[in-house]
Amino acid sequence: MNVRYLVRFLAPRVASPRRAGSSLEVRENVPGSVRSGFTIIEVLIALAILVFGMTAVIGMLTFGAALTRTSLLRTSAASAMQAVVADLEETLFPPVRTGQSGASETEAGPPEEVKDRPLPSMPDVVYSARAKENPDRPLEYRVDVEMSWKAAGVRRETSFSTILVRETPFGERLRRLVVEGGADKLLVAPPPSPASQPR
C-alpha cells in the first residue's frame, strides 16, 4: 500500500474558504444549523447568577455564625450569674460564733461587701456585690451584683439584683451534721401532716 495514499486518506480534510461551494460556506448558509459554544452575554448572565447565589449563601453563613456567638455569650453569662449567686449564698454571710462558756455554735453574721472577687469556677469572671437589708423582713437582703468578664478580647459588664436570705451556709450546716454530729442543732421543718396534704 502506498504511504502517500494512506496519509492522504487519514488526514482531515480542510475545506478552503476560497473555493465556492465548500463545506464552510455550506454550513454558514444552511438555515437552522447548530453552532457550538456560548456567547459573551450568556457567560455574563451565568456569572451574575453565580455571584448573586454565593453572596446569599455567605450572608446566611455570617448571620448564622453571629447568632451562634450571641447564644454562646448569653449561655456563658447565665451560667456565670448562677455561679455568682451560688458563691454569694456560701460566702456573703460569714459564720459568727455565738454562745456562752466556749460553746461552738455559729450563726450567719452580717453581710460582707464584696469587691472584685474572682469566681472559683471561672477565673476570668470578676464580680462585686452590695447587700441591703429589707426593713420589713430583717433576714432578707437585696443584693446588687456587678459582674465583668473578658470575651473575644473585649471586657464585658452586666449587673443584676437578687434576693438572699441570711442563714447559715449549707456547707457549714453539713459540717455540723457530719463532723460535729449536731443533727439536733439543725433547723429541720417537720413533715406535713396527712390532713394538710392535697388529695
N, C-alpha and C. Protein backbone atom coordinates (compact mmCIF):
# COMPACT_ATOMS: atom_id res chain seq x y z
N MET A 1 0.84 -1.17 0.00
CA MET A 1 0.00 0.00 0.00
C MET A 1 0.89 1.23 0.00
N ASN A 2 0.48 2.24 -0.71
CA ASN A 2 1.28 3.44 -0.85
C ASN A 2 1.12 4.30 0.41
N VAL A 3 2.24 4.81 0.94
CA VAL A 3 2.22 5.61 2.18
C VAL A 3 1.55 6.94 1.94
N ARG A 4 1.77 7.52 0.77
CA ARG A 4 1.15 8.80 0.48
C ARG A 4 -0.37 8.67 0.45
N TYR A 5 -0.85 7.61 -0.10
CA TYR A 5 -2.29 7.39 -0.18
C TYR A 5 -2.89 7.23 1.23
N LEU A 6 -2.16 6.52 2.10
CA LEU A 6 -2.61 6.30 3.47
C LEU A 6 -2.66 7.62 4.26
N VAL A 7 -1.63 8.45 4.12
CA VAL A 7 -1.59 9.74 4.83
C VAL A 7 -2.71 10.63 4.34
N ARG A 8 -2.92 10.64 3.01
CA ARG A 8 -3.97 11.47 2.45
C ARG A 8 -5.35 10.98 2.89
N PHE A 9 -5.52 9.69 3.11
CA PHE A 9 -6.81 9.13 3.49
C PHE A 9 -7.13 9.43 4.97
N LEU A 10 -6.10 9.34 5.84
CA LEU A 10 -6.31 9.53 7.28
C LEU A 10 -6.31 10.99 7.68
N ALA A 11 -5.69 11.87 6.93
CA ALA A 11 -5.62 13.28 7.30
C ALA A 11 -6.98 13.92 7.17
N PRO A 12 -7.35 14.87 8.11
CA PRO A 12 -8.65 15.54 8.00
C PRO A 12 -8.67 16.45 6.79
N ARG A 13 -9.80 16.49 6.20
CA ARG A 13 -9.93 17.32 5.02
C ARG A 13 -10.38 18.71 5.44
N VAL A 14 -9.60 19.71 5.12
CA VAL A 14 -9.89 21.10 5.44
C VAL A 14 -10.37 21.76 4.17
N ALA A 15 -11.55 22.32 4.23
CA ALA A 15 -12.09 22.96 3.04
C ALA A 15 -11.52 24.35 2.91
N SER A 16 -11.18 24.72 1.81
CA SER A 16 -10.63 26.04 1.55
C SER A 16 -11.77 27.03 1.42
N PRO A 17 -11.71 28.14 2.11
CA PRO A 17 -12.80 29.11 2.01
C PRO A 17 -12.83 29.82 0.67
N ARG A 18 -11.75 29.68 -0.06
CA ARG A 18 -11.73 30.38 -1.34
C ARG A 18 -12.59 29.68 -2.38
N ARG A 19 -12.69 28.36 -2.26
CA ARG A 19 -13.48 27.64 -3.27
C ARG A 19 -14.97 27.81 -3.01
N ALA A 20 -15.68 28.05 -4.04
CA ALA A 20 -17.13 28.18 -3.93
C ALA A 20 -17.72 26.81 -3.70
N GLY A 21 -18.75 26.77 -2.86
CA GLY A 21 -19.40 25.50 -2.57
C GLY A 21 -18.66 24.66 -1.57
N SER A 22 -17.75 25.26 -0.83
CA SER A 22 -17.00 24.49 0.16
C SER A 22 -17.91 24.18 1.35
N SER A 23 -17.41 23.32 2.22
CA SER A 23 -18.23 22.89 3.36
C SER A 23 -18.48 24.03 4.34
N LEU A 24 -17.50 24.97 4.47
CA LEU A 24 -17.70 26.09 5.38
C LEU A 24 -18.82 27.00 4.89
N GLU A 25 -18.80 27.27 3.63
CA GLU A 25 -19.85 28.13 3.10
C GLU A 25 -21.21 27.45 3.23
N VAL A 26 -21.22 26.19 3.04
CA VAL A 26 -22.49 25.47 3.11
C VAL A 26 -23.02 25.50 4.54
N ARG A 27 -22.12 25.33 5.53
CA ARG A 27 -22.57 25.33 6.92
C ARG A 27 -23.08 26.69 7.34
N GLU A 28 -22.44 27.75 6.92
CA GLU A 28 -22.88 29.08 7.32
C GLU A 28 -24.18 29.47 6.65
N ASN A 29 -24.42 29.01 5.51
CA ASN A 29 -25.60 29.43 4.77
C ASN A 29 -26.82 28.55 5.01
N VAL A 30 -26.62 27.38 5.61
CA VAL A 30 -27.74 26.48 5.83
C VAL A 30 -28.58 27.01 6.99
N PRO A 31 -29.88 27.25 6.82
CA PRO A 31 -30.71 27.73 7.93
C PRO A 31 -30.93 26.63 8.96
N GLY A 32 -30.95 27.06 10.29
CA GLY A 32 -31.18 26.10 11.36
C GLY A 32 -29.95 25.30 11.72
N SER A 33 -28.78 25.67 11.24
CA SER A 33 -27.57 24.93 11.61
C SER A 33 -27.20 25.25 13.05
N VAL A 34 -26.71 24.29 13.82
CA VAL A 34 -26.39 24.44 15.23
C VAL A 34 -24.92 24.84 15.37
N ARG A 35 -24.67 25.94 16.09
CA ARG A 35 -23.29 26.36 16.35
C ARG A 35 -22.93 25.99 17.78
N SER A 36 -21.72 25.56 18.01
CA SER A 36 -21.29 25.19 19.36
C SER A 36 -20.66 26.40 20.03
N GLY A 37 -20.69 26.40 21.46
CA GLY A 37 -20.08 27.48 22.22
C GLY A 37 -21.13 28.42 22.81
N PHE A 38 -20.66 29.36 23.69
CA PHE A 38 -21.52 30.32 24.37
C PHE A 38 -21.18 31.72 23.90
N THR A 39 -22.16 32.57 23.93
CA THR A 39 -21.89 33.97 23.63
C THR A 39 -21.43 34.67 24.89
N ILE A 40 -20.87 35.86 24.76
CA ILE A 40 -20.37 36.60 25.92
C ILE A 40 -21.51 37.02 26.84
N ILE A 41 -22.69 37.26 26.29
CA ILE A 41 -23.84 37.65 27.12
C ILE A 41 -24.29 36.48 27.99
N GLU A 42 -24.30 35.27 27.44
CA GLU A 42 -24.67 34.10 28.22
C GLU A 42 -23.68 33.86 29.37
N VAL A 43 -22.41 34.06 29.09
CA VAL A 43 -21.38 33.89 30.13
C VAL A 43 -21.56 34.93 31.22
N LEU A 44 -21.84 36.19 30.87
CA LEU A 44 -22.03 37.24 31.87
C LEU A 44 -23.27 36.98 32.71
N ILE A 45 -24.35 36.51 32.10
CA ILE A 45 -25.56 36.21 32.87
C ILE A 45 -25.31 35.06 33.84
N ALA A 46 -24.59 34.03 33.39
CA ALA A 46 -24.27 32.91 34.29
C ALA A 46 -23.40 33.37 35.45
N LEU A 47 -22.43 34.24 35.19
CA LEU A 47 -21.58 34.76 36.27
C LEU A 47 -22.38 35.61 37.24
N ALA A 48 -23.32 36.42 36.73
CA ALA A 48 -24.14 37.24 37.62
C ALA A 48 -24.99 36.37 38.54
N ILE A 49 -25.58 35.30 38.01
CA ILE A 49 -26.38 34.39 38.83
C ILE A 49 -25.51 33.70 39.88
N LEU A 50 -24.31 33.30 39.48
CA LEU A 50 -23.39 32.65 40.42
C LEU A 50 -22.99 33.59 41.55
N VAL A 51 -22.66 34.84 41.22
CA VAL A 51 -22.26 35.81 42.24
C VAL A 51 -23.42 36.10 43.18
N PHE A 52 -24.63 36.24 42.65
CA PHE A 52 -25.80 36.50 43.49
C PHE A 52 -26.04 35.34 44.46
N GLY A 53 -25.95 34.12 43.96
CA GLY A 53 -26.15 32.95 44.82
C GLY A 53 -25.09 32.82 45.89
N MET A 54 -23.83 33.06 45.54
CA MET A 54 -22.75 32.97 46.52
C MET A 54 -22.87 34.06 47.58
N THR A 55 -23.31 35.26 47.17
CA THR A 55 -23.50 36.34 48.15
C THR A 55 -24.58 35.98 49.14
N ALA A 56 -25.68 35.40 48.66
CA ALA A 56 -26.75 34.99 49.57
C ALA A 56 -26.29 33.91 50.54
N VAL A 57 -25.54 32.93 50.04
CA VAL A 57 -25.07 31.84 50.90
C VAL A 57 -24.09 32.37 51.95
N ILE A 58 -23.17 33.25 51.56
CA ILE A 58 -22.19 33.80 52.52
C ILE A 58 -22.90 34.66 53.56
N GLY A 59 -23.92 35.42 53.12
CA GLY A 59 -24.68 36.21 54.08
C GLY A 59 -25.39 35.35 55.11
N MET A 60 -25.96 34.23 54.67
CA MET A 60 -26.64 33.33 55.61
C MET A 60 -25.64 32.70 56.58
N LEU A 61 -24.46 32.33 56.09
CA LEU A 61 -23.45 31.75 56.98
C LEU A 61 -22.98 32.76 58.02
N THR A 62 -22.79 34.01 57.60
CA THR A 62 -22.36 35.05 58.54
C THR A 62 -23.43 35.30 59.59
N PHE A 63 -24.69 35.35 59.17
CA PHE A 63 -25.79 35.56 60.12
C PHE A 63 -25.89 34.41 61.10
N GLY A 64 -25.74 33.17 60.61
CA GLY A 64 -25.78 32.01 61.50
C GLY A 64 -24.64 32.01 62.50
N ALA A 65 -23.44 32.40 62.05
CA ALA A 65 -22.29 32.46 62.97
C ALA A 65 -22.51 33.53 64.03
N ALA A 66 -23.09 34.67 63.66
CA ALA A 66 -23.37 35.72 64.64
C ALA A 66 -24.41 35.26 65.67
N LEU A 67 -25.45 34.56 65.22
CA LEU A 67 -26.45 34.04 66.15
C LEU A 67 -25.85 33.02 67.11
N THR A 68 -24.99 32.15 66.58
CA THR A 68 -24.34 31.15 67.43
C THR A 68 -23.47 31.82 68.49
N ARG A 69 -22.72 32.83 68.10
CA ARG A 69 -21.85 33.53 69.04
C ARG A 69 -22.67 34.25 70.11
N THR A 70 -23.78 34.89 69.70
CA THR A 70 -24.62 35.58 70.67
C THR A 70 -25.23 34.59 71.67
N SER A 71 -25.69 33.45 71.18
CA SER A 71 -26.28 32.45 72.10
C SER A 71 -25.23 31.89 73.05
N LEU A 72 -23.99 31.71 72.56
CA LEU A 72 -22.92 31.24 73.46
C LEU A 72 -22.61 32.27 74.54
N LEU A 73 -22.59 33.56 74.16
CA LEU A 73 -22.33 34.61 75.15
C LEU A 73 -23.46 34.65 76.19
N ARG A 74 -24.71 34.51 75.75
CA ARG A 74 -25.81 34.53 76.70
C ARG A 74 -25.78 33.32 77.62
N THR A 75 -25.44 32.17 77.06
CA THR A 75 -25.35 30.96 77.89
C THR A 75 -24.26 31.08 78.93
N SER A 76 -23.08 31.60 78.52
CA SER A 76 -21.98 31.75 79.48
C SER A 76 -22.31 32.79 80.53
N ALA A 77 -23.02 33.88 80.13
CA ALA A 77 -23.42 34.89 81.12
C ALA A 77 -24.42 34.33 82.12
N ALA A 78 -25.38 33.52 81.63
CA ALA A 78 -26.36 32.92 82.55
C ALA A 78 -25.71 31.95 83.52
N SER A 79 -24.77 31.13 83.02
CA SER A 79 -24.09 30.20 83.93
C SER A 79 -23.20 30.95 84.91
N ALA A 80 -22.60 32.07 84.45
CA ALA A 80 -21.78 32.87 85.37
C ALA A 80 -22.64 33.50 86.45
N MET A 81 -23.86 33.97 86.10
CA MET A 81 -24.76 34.54 87.12
C MET A 81 -25.16 33.49 88.15
N GLN A 82 -25.45 32.28 87.69
CA GLN A 82 -25.80 31.22 88.63
C GLN A 82 -24.63 30.90 89.55
N ALA A 83 -23.41 30.90 88.99
CA ALA A 83 -22.24 30.62 89.81
C ALA A 83 -22.01 31.75 90.83
N VAL A 84 -22.27 33.00 90.44
CA VAL A 84 -22.12 34.13 91.37
C VAL A 84 -23.12 34.00 92.52
N VAL A 85 -24.37 33.68 92.20
CA VAL A 85 -25.38 33.54 93.26
C VAL A 85 -25.02 32.39 94.19
N ALA A 86 -24.55 31.28 93.64
CA ALA A 86 -24.15 30.15 94.49
C ALA A 86 -22.97 30.53 95.38
N ASP A 87 -22.03 31.29 94.85
CA ASP A 87 -20.88 31.72 95.65
C ASP A 87 -21.31 32.69 96.75
N LEU A 88 -22.26 33.59 96.42
CA LEU A 88 -22.74 34.53 97.43
C LEU A 88 -23.51 33.82 98.53
N GLU A 89 -24.28 32.79 98.20
CA GLU A 89 -25.01 32.05 99.22
C GLU A 89 -24.07 31.41 100.24
N GLU A 90 -22.88 31.05 99.80
CA GLU A 90 -21.93 30.40 100.70
C GLU A 90 -21.02 31.39 101.43
N THR A 91 -20.79 32.57 100.85
CA THR A 91 -19.76 33.44 101.43
C THR A 91 -20.24 34.82 101.86
N LEU A 92 -21.46 35.23 101.46
CA LEU A 92 -21.89 36.61 101.78
C LEU A 92 -22.14 36.79 103.26
N PHE A 93 -22.68 35.78 103.92
CA PHE A 93 -22.97 35.86 105.35
C PHE A 93 -21.99 34.94 106.09
N PRO A 94 -20.84 35.46 106.51
CA PRO A 94 -19.85 34.59 107.16
C PRO A 94 -20.36 34.12 108.53
N PRO A 95 -20.01 32.90 108.90
CA PRO A 95 -20.48 32.38 110.20
C PRO A 95 -19.80 33.12 111.36
N VAL A 96 -20.60 33.39 112.38
CA VAL A 96 -20.11 34.08 113.58
C VAL A 96 -20.39 33.17 114.77
N ARG A 97 -19.37 32.98 115.61
CA ARG A 97 -19.53 32.12 116.78
C ARG A 97 -20.36 32.83 117.84
N THR A 98 -21.33 32.11 118.35
CA THR A 98 -22.18 32.65 119.42
C THR A 98 -22.21 31.65 120.56
N GLY A 99 -22.79 32.05 121.67
CA GLY A 99 -22.93 31.13 122.80
C GLY A 99 -22.00 31.50 123.93
N GLN A 100 -22.34 31.03 125.12
CA GLN A 100 -21.55 31.32 126.31
C GLN A 100 -20.69 30.12 126.66
N SER A 101 -19.74 30.38 127.47
CA SER A 101 -18.83 29.37 128.03
C SER A 101 -18.17 28.51 126.95
N GLY A 102 -17.71 29.18 125.91
CA GLY A 102 -16.93 28.48 124.89
C GLY A 102 -17.71 27.54 124.01
N ALA A 103 -19.01 27.68 123.90
CA ALA A 103 -19.80 26.81 123.03
C ALA A 103 -19.43 27.10 121.58
N SER A 104 -19.52 26.07 120.76
CA SER A 104 -19.07 26.19 119.38
C SER A 104 -20.22 26.41 118.41
N GLU A 105 -21.31 27.01 118.89
CA GLU A 105 -22.42 27.30 117.99
C GLU A 105 -22.06 28.47 117.10
N THR A 106 -22.51 28.40 115.85
CA THR A 106 -22.30 29.50 114.91
C THR A 106 -23.61 29.82 114.23
N GLU A 107 -23.72 31.07 113.83
CA GLU A 107 -24.88 31.51 113.05
C GLU A 107 -24.39 32.47 111.98
N ALA A 108 -25.27 32.78 111.03
CA ALA A 108 -24.89 33.66 109.93
C ALA A 108 -24.74 35.08 110.44
N GLY A 109 -23.60 35.68 110.10
CA GLY A 109 -23.31 37.03 110.52
C GLY A 109 -23.83 38.06 109.52
N PRO A 110 -23.52 39.32 109.76
CA PRO A 110 -23.95 40.37 108.82
C PRO A 110 -23.24 40.22 107.48
N PRO A 111 -23.86 40.70 106.42
CA PRO A 111 -23.25 40.52 105.09
C PRO A 111 -21.98 41.34 104.91
N GLU A 112 -21.07 40.79 104.15
CA GLU A 112 -19.83 41.49 103.82
C GLU A 112 -19.96 42.12 102.44
N GLU A 113 -19.28 43.24 102.25
CA GLU A 113 -19.26 43.84 100.92
C GLU A 113 -18.17 43.16 100.10
N VAL A 114 -18.54 42.74 98.90
CA VAL A 114 -17.61 42.02 98.02
C VAL A 114 -17.11 42.99 96.96
N LYS A 115 -15.80 43.02 96.76
CA LYS A 115 -15.22 43.93 95.77
C LYS A 115 -14.25 43.17 94.88
N ASP A 116 -14.56 43.09 93.59
CA ASP A 116 -13.69 42.48 92.57
C ASP A 116 -13.21 41.09 92.98
N ARG A 117 -14.15 40.24 93.31
CA ARG A 117 -13.81 38.87 93.69
C ARG A 117 -13.90 37.96 92.46
N PRO A 118 -12.85 37.19 92.15
CA PRO A 118 -12.95 36.24 91.03
C PRO A 118 -13.74 35.00 91.43
N LEU A 119 -14.47 34.46 90.47
CA LEU A 119 -15.22 33.24 90.74
C LEU A 119 -14.27 32.06 90.79
N PRO A 120 -14.45 31.13 91.73
CA PRO A 120 -13.56 29.96 91.78
C PRO A 120 -13.65 29.09 90.53
N SER A 121 -14.85 28.92 89.99
CA SER A 121 -15.01 28.05 88.82
C SER A 121 -14.69 28.76 87.51
N MET A 122 -14.76 30.10 87.48
CA MET A 122 -14.47 30.88 86.27
C MET A 122 -13.53 32.01 86.65
N PRO A 123 -12.23 31.82 86.52
CA PRO A 123 -11.29 32.84 86.99
C PRO A 123 -11.34 34.15 86.21
N ASP A 124 -11.85 34.11 84.96
CA ASP A 124 -11.89 35.35 84.19
C ASP A 124 -13.12 36.20 84.51
N VAL A 125 -14.03 35.71 85.38
CA VAL A 125 -15.21 36.46 85.78
C VAL A 125 -14.93 37.09 87.15
N VAL A 126 -15.13 38.41 87.23
CA VAL A 126 -14.92 39.15 88.47
C VAL A 126 -16.24 39.84 88.83
N TYR A 127 -16.59 39.82 90.11
CA TYR A 127 -17.86 40.46 90.49
C TYR A 127 -17.71 41.21 91.80
N SER A 128 -18.60 42.20 91.97
CA SER A 128 -18.72 42.97 93.21
C SER A 128 -20.17 42.90 93.65
N ALA A 129 -20.41 42.90 94.96
CA ALA A 129 -21.78 42.76 95.47
C ALA A 129 -21.97 43.63 96.70
N ARG A 130 -23.16 44.22 96.78
CA ARG A 130 -23.56 45.02 97.93
C ARG A 130 -24.93 44.55 98.39
N ALA A 131 -25.07 44.30 99.70
CA ALA A 131 -26.33 43.80 100.25
C ALA A 131 -27.03 44.89 101.04
N LYS A 132 -28.36 44.98 100.86
CA LYS A 132 -29.16 45.97 101.59
C LYS A 132 -30.32 45.24 102.25
N GLU A 133 -30.47 45.46 103.55
CA GLU A 133 -31.48 44.73 104.32
C GLU A 133 -32.88 45.25 104.01
N ASN A 134 -33.83 44.31 103.96
CA ASN A 134 -35.24 44.66 103.78
C ASN A 134 -35.79 45.09 105.13
N PRO A 135 -36.30 46.34 105.25
CA PRO A 135 -36.77 46.80 106.58
C PRO A 135 -37.98 46.00 107.08
N ASP A 136 -38.79 45.45 106.17
CA ASP A 136 -39.98 44.69 106.60
C ASP A 136 -39.62 43.27 107.03
N ARG A 137 -38.57 42.71 106.43
CA ARG A 137 -38.14 41.35 106.78
C ARG A 137 -36.66 41.40 107.14
N PRO A 138 -36.34 41.28 108.40
CA PRO A 138 -34.94 41.50 108.82
C PRO A 138 -33.93 40.50 108.27
N LEU A 139 -34.35 39.28 107.93
CA LEU A 139 -33.39 38.29 107.44
C LEU A 139 -33.28 38.28 105.91
N GLU A 140 -34.01 39.16 105.25
CA GLU A 140 -34.00 39.17 103.78
C GLU A 140 -33.17 40.36 103.28
N TYR A 141 -32.31 40.09 102.30
CA TYR A 141 -31.42 41.12 101.77
C TYR A 141 -31.55 41.19 100.25
N ARG A 142 -31.57 42.41 99.74
CA ARG A 142 -31.46 42.61 98.30
C ARG A 142 -29.98 42.82 97.98
N VAL A 143 -29.47 41.99 97.07
CA VAL A 143 -28.05 42.02 96.74
C VAL A 143 -27.91 42.51 95.30
N ASP A 144 -27.21 43.64 95.13
CA ASP A 144 -26.91 44.19 93.81
C ASP A 144 -25.52 43.71 93.39
N VAL A 145 -25.46 43.05 92.24
CA VAL A 145 -24.21 42.44 91.76
C VAL A 145 -23.79 43.11 90.46
N GLU A 146 -22.53 43.47 90.37
CA GLU A 146 -21.92 43.96 89.13
C GLU A 146 -20.86 42.95 88.71
N MET A 147 -21.01 42.45 87.50
CA MET A 147 -20.17 41.35 87.03
C MET A 147 -19.45 41.79 85.76
N SER A 148 -18.20 41.37 85.59
CA SER A 148 -17.46 41.68 84.36
C SER A 148 -16.63 40.46 83.98
N TRP A 149 -16.47 40.27 82.68
CA TRP A 149 -15.67 39.16 82.16
C TRP A 149 -15.11 39.56 80.81
N LYS A 150 -14.15 38.79 80.34
CA LYS A 150 -13.50 39.08 79.07
C LYS A 150 -13.91 38.02 78.07
N ALA A 151 -14.39 38.47 76.89
CA ALA A 151 -14.79 37.55 75.83
C ALA A 151 -14.32 38.12 74.51
N ALA A 152 -13.56 37.33 73.76
CA ALA A 152 -13.03 37.72 72.44
C ALA A 152 -12.21 39.00 72.53
N GLY A 153 -11.45 39.15 73.61
CA GLY A 153 -10.57 40.30 73.77
C GLY A 153 -11.27 41.57 74.22
N VAL A 154 -12.58 41.50 74.49
CA VAL A 154 -13.34 42.68 74.90
C VAL A 154 -13.87 42.45 76.31
N ARG A 155 -13.73 43.46 77.16
CA ARG A 155 -14.23 43.37 78.53
C ARG A 155 -15.72 43.69 78.53
N ARG A 156 -16.54 42.78 79.03
CA ARG A 156 -17.98 42.97 79.06
C ARG A 156 -18.45 43.07 80.50
N GLU A 157 -19.52 43.83 80.71
CA GLU A 157 -20.04 44.05 82.06
C GLU A 157 -21.55 43.90 82.06
N THR A 158 -22.07 43.45 83.18
CA THR A 158 -23.52 43.38 83.38
C THR A 158 -23.80 43.50 84.87
N SER A 159 -25.02 43.83 85.19
CA SER A 159 -25.41 43.94 86.60
C SER A 159 -26.80 43.33 86.76
N PHE A 160 -27.04 42.79 87.92
CA PHE A 160 -28.34 42.21 88.24
C PHE A 160 -28.55 42.26 89.74
N SER A 161 -29.77 42.03 90.16
CA SER A 161 -30.12 42.02 91.58
C SER A 161 -30.79 40.70 91.92
N THR A 162 -30.58 40.26 93.14
CA THR A 162 -31.19 39.03 93.61
C THR A 162 -31.54 39.18 95.08
N ILE A 163 -32.38 38.30 95.57
CA ILE A 163 -32.79 38.29 96.98
C ILE A 163 -32.14 37.09 97.65
N LEU A 164 -31.43 37.34 98.75
CA LEU A 164 -30.82 36.27 99.53
C LEU A 164 -31.31 36.36 100.97
N VAL A 165 -31.45 35.20 101.58
CA VAL A 165 -31.89 35.12 102.98
C VAL A 165 -30.65 34.90 103.84
N ARG A 166 -30.59 35.65 104.94
CA ARG A 166 -29.46 35.50 105.87
C ARG A 166 -29.65 34.23 106.68
N GLU A 167 -28.86 33.23 106.35
CA GLU A 167 -28.92 31.94 107.04
C GLU A 167 -27.54 31.30 107.02
N THR A 168 -27.37 30.31 107.85
CA THR A 168 -26.10 29.60 107.89
C THR A 168 -25.89 28.90 106.56
N PRO A 169 -24.71 29.04 105.95
CA PRO A 169 -24.48 28.40 104.65
C PRO A 169 -24.65 26.88 104.72
N PHE A 170 -25.01 26.31 103.59
CA PHE A 170 -25.26 24.88 103.52
C PHE A 170 -24.02 24.07 103.91
N GLY A 171 -22.86 24.54 103.49
CA GLY A 171 -21.62 23.83 103.83
C GLY A 171 -21.38 23.77 105.33
N GLU A 172 -21.67 24.88 106.01
CA GLU A 172 -21.49 24.91 107.46
C GLU A 172 -22.50 24.00 108.16
N ARG A 173 -23.75 24.00 107.67
CA ARG A 173 -24.75 23.10 108.27
C ARG A 173 -24.38 21.64 108.06
N LEU A 174 -23.87 21.33 106.89
CA LEU A 174 -23.45 19.96 106.62
C LEU A 174 -22.26 19.57 107.49
N ARG A 175 -21.34 20.52 107.70
CA ARG A 175 -20.19 20.23 108.56
C ARG A 175 -20.63 19.95 109.98
N ARG A 176 -21.61 20.71 110.44
CA ARG A 176 -22.13 20.46 111.79
C ARG A 176 -22.74 19.06 111.90
N LEU A 177 -23.48 18.69 110.86
CA LEU A 177 -24.17 17.41 110.89
C LEU A 177 -23.19 16.25 110.83
N VAL A 178 -22.20 16.34 109.96
CA VAL A 178 -21.30 15.21 109.74
C VAL A 178 -20.15 15.20 110.74
N VAL A 179 -19.47 16.33 110.89
CA VAL A 179 -18.26 16.36 111.72
C VAL A 179 -18.59 16.41 113.20
N GLU A 180 -19.46 17.32 113.57
CA GLU A 180 -19.72 17.50 115.00
C GLU A 180 -20.88 16.65 115.49
N GLY A 181 -21.64 16.06 114.58
CA GLY A 181 -22.77 15.23 115.00
C GLY A 181 -23.88 16.04 115.61
N GLY A 182 -23.99 17.29 115.20
CA GLY A 182 -25.01 18.16 115.79
C GLY A 182 -26.27 18.17 114.98
N ALA A 183 -26.85 17.04 114.75
CA ALA A 183 -28.08 16.98 113.97
C ALA A 183 -29.23 17.66 114.71
N ASP A 184 -29.16 17.68 116.07
CA ASP A 184 -30.23 18.32 116.82
C ASP A 184 -30.17 19.83 116.73
N LYS A 185 -29.00 20.39 116.30
CA LYS A 185 -28.87 21.84 116.18
C LYS A 185 -29.41 22.36 114.85
N LEU A 186 -29.63 21.49 113.90
CA LEU A 186 -30.13 21.92 112.59
C LEU A 186 -31.62 22.20 112.68
N LEU A 187 -32.01 23.23 111.99
CA LEU A 187 -33.43 23.54 111.93
C LEU A 187 -34.03 22.78 110.77
N VAL A 188 -34.78 21.74 111.09
CA VAL A 188 -35.41 20.92 110.07
C VAL A 188 -36.91 21.10 110.18
N ALA A 189 -37.56 21.39 109.07
CA ALA A 189 -39.01 21.58 109.09
C ALA A 189 -39.68 20.25 109.35
N PRO A 190 -40.73 20.23 110.18
CA PRO A 190 -41.42 18.95 110.44
C PRO A 190 -42.16 18.50 109.19
N PRO A 191 -42.34 17.20 109.02
CA PRO A 191 -43.06 16.71 107.84
C PRO A 191 -44.52 17.16 107.89
N PRO A 192 -45.13 17.41 106.73
CA PRO A 192 -46.52 17.86 106.73
C PRO A 192 -47.46 16.77 107.24
N SER A 193 -48.49 17.24 107.91
CA SER A 193 -49.47 16.27 108.44
C SER A 193 -50.29 15.71 107.28
N PRO A 194 -50.81 14.49 107.45
CA PRO A 194 -51.60 13.89 106.35
C PRO A 194 -52.86 14.68 106.01
N ALA A 195 -53.38 15.44 106.96
CA ALA A 195 -54.61 16.20 106.69
C ALA A 195 -54.33 17.38 105.76
N SER A 196 -53.09 17.94 105.83
CA SER A 196 -52.77 19.11 105.04
C SER A 196 -52.33 18.77 103.61
N GLN A 197 -52.08 17.49 103.34
CA GLN A 197 -51.64 17.10 102.00
C GLN A 197 -52.82 17.11 101.04
N PRO A 198 -52.61 17.59 99.79
CA PRO A 198 -53.73 17.59 98.84
C PRO A 198 -54.08 16.19 98.39
N ARG A 199 -55.34 15.99 98.09
CA ARG A 199 -55.79 14.67 97.66
C ARG A 199 -56.04 14.66 96.17
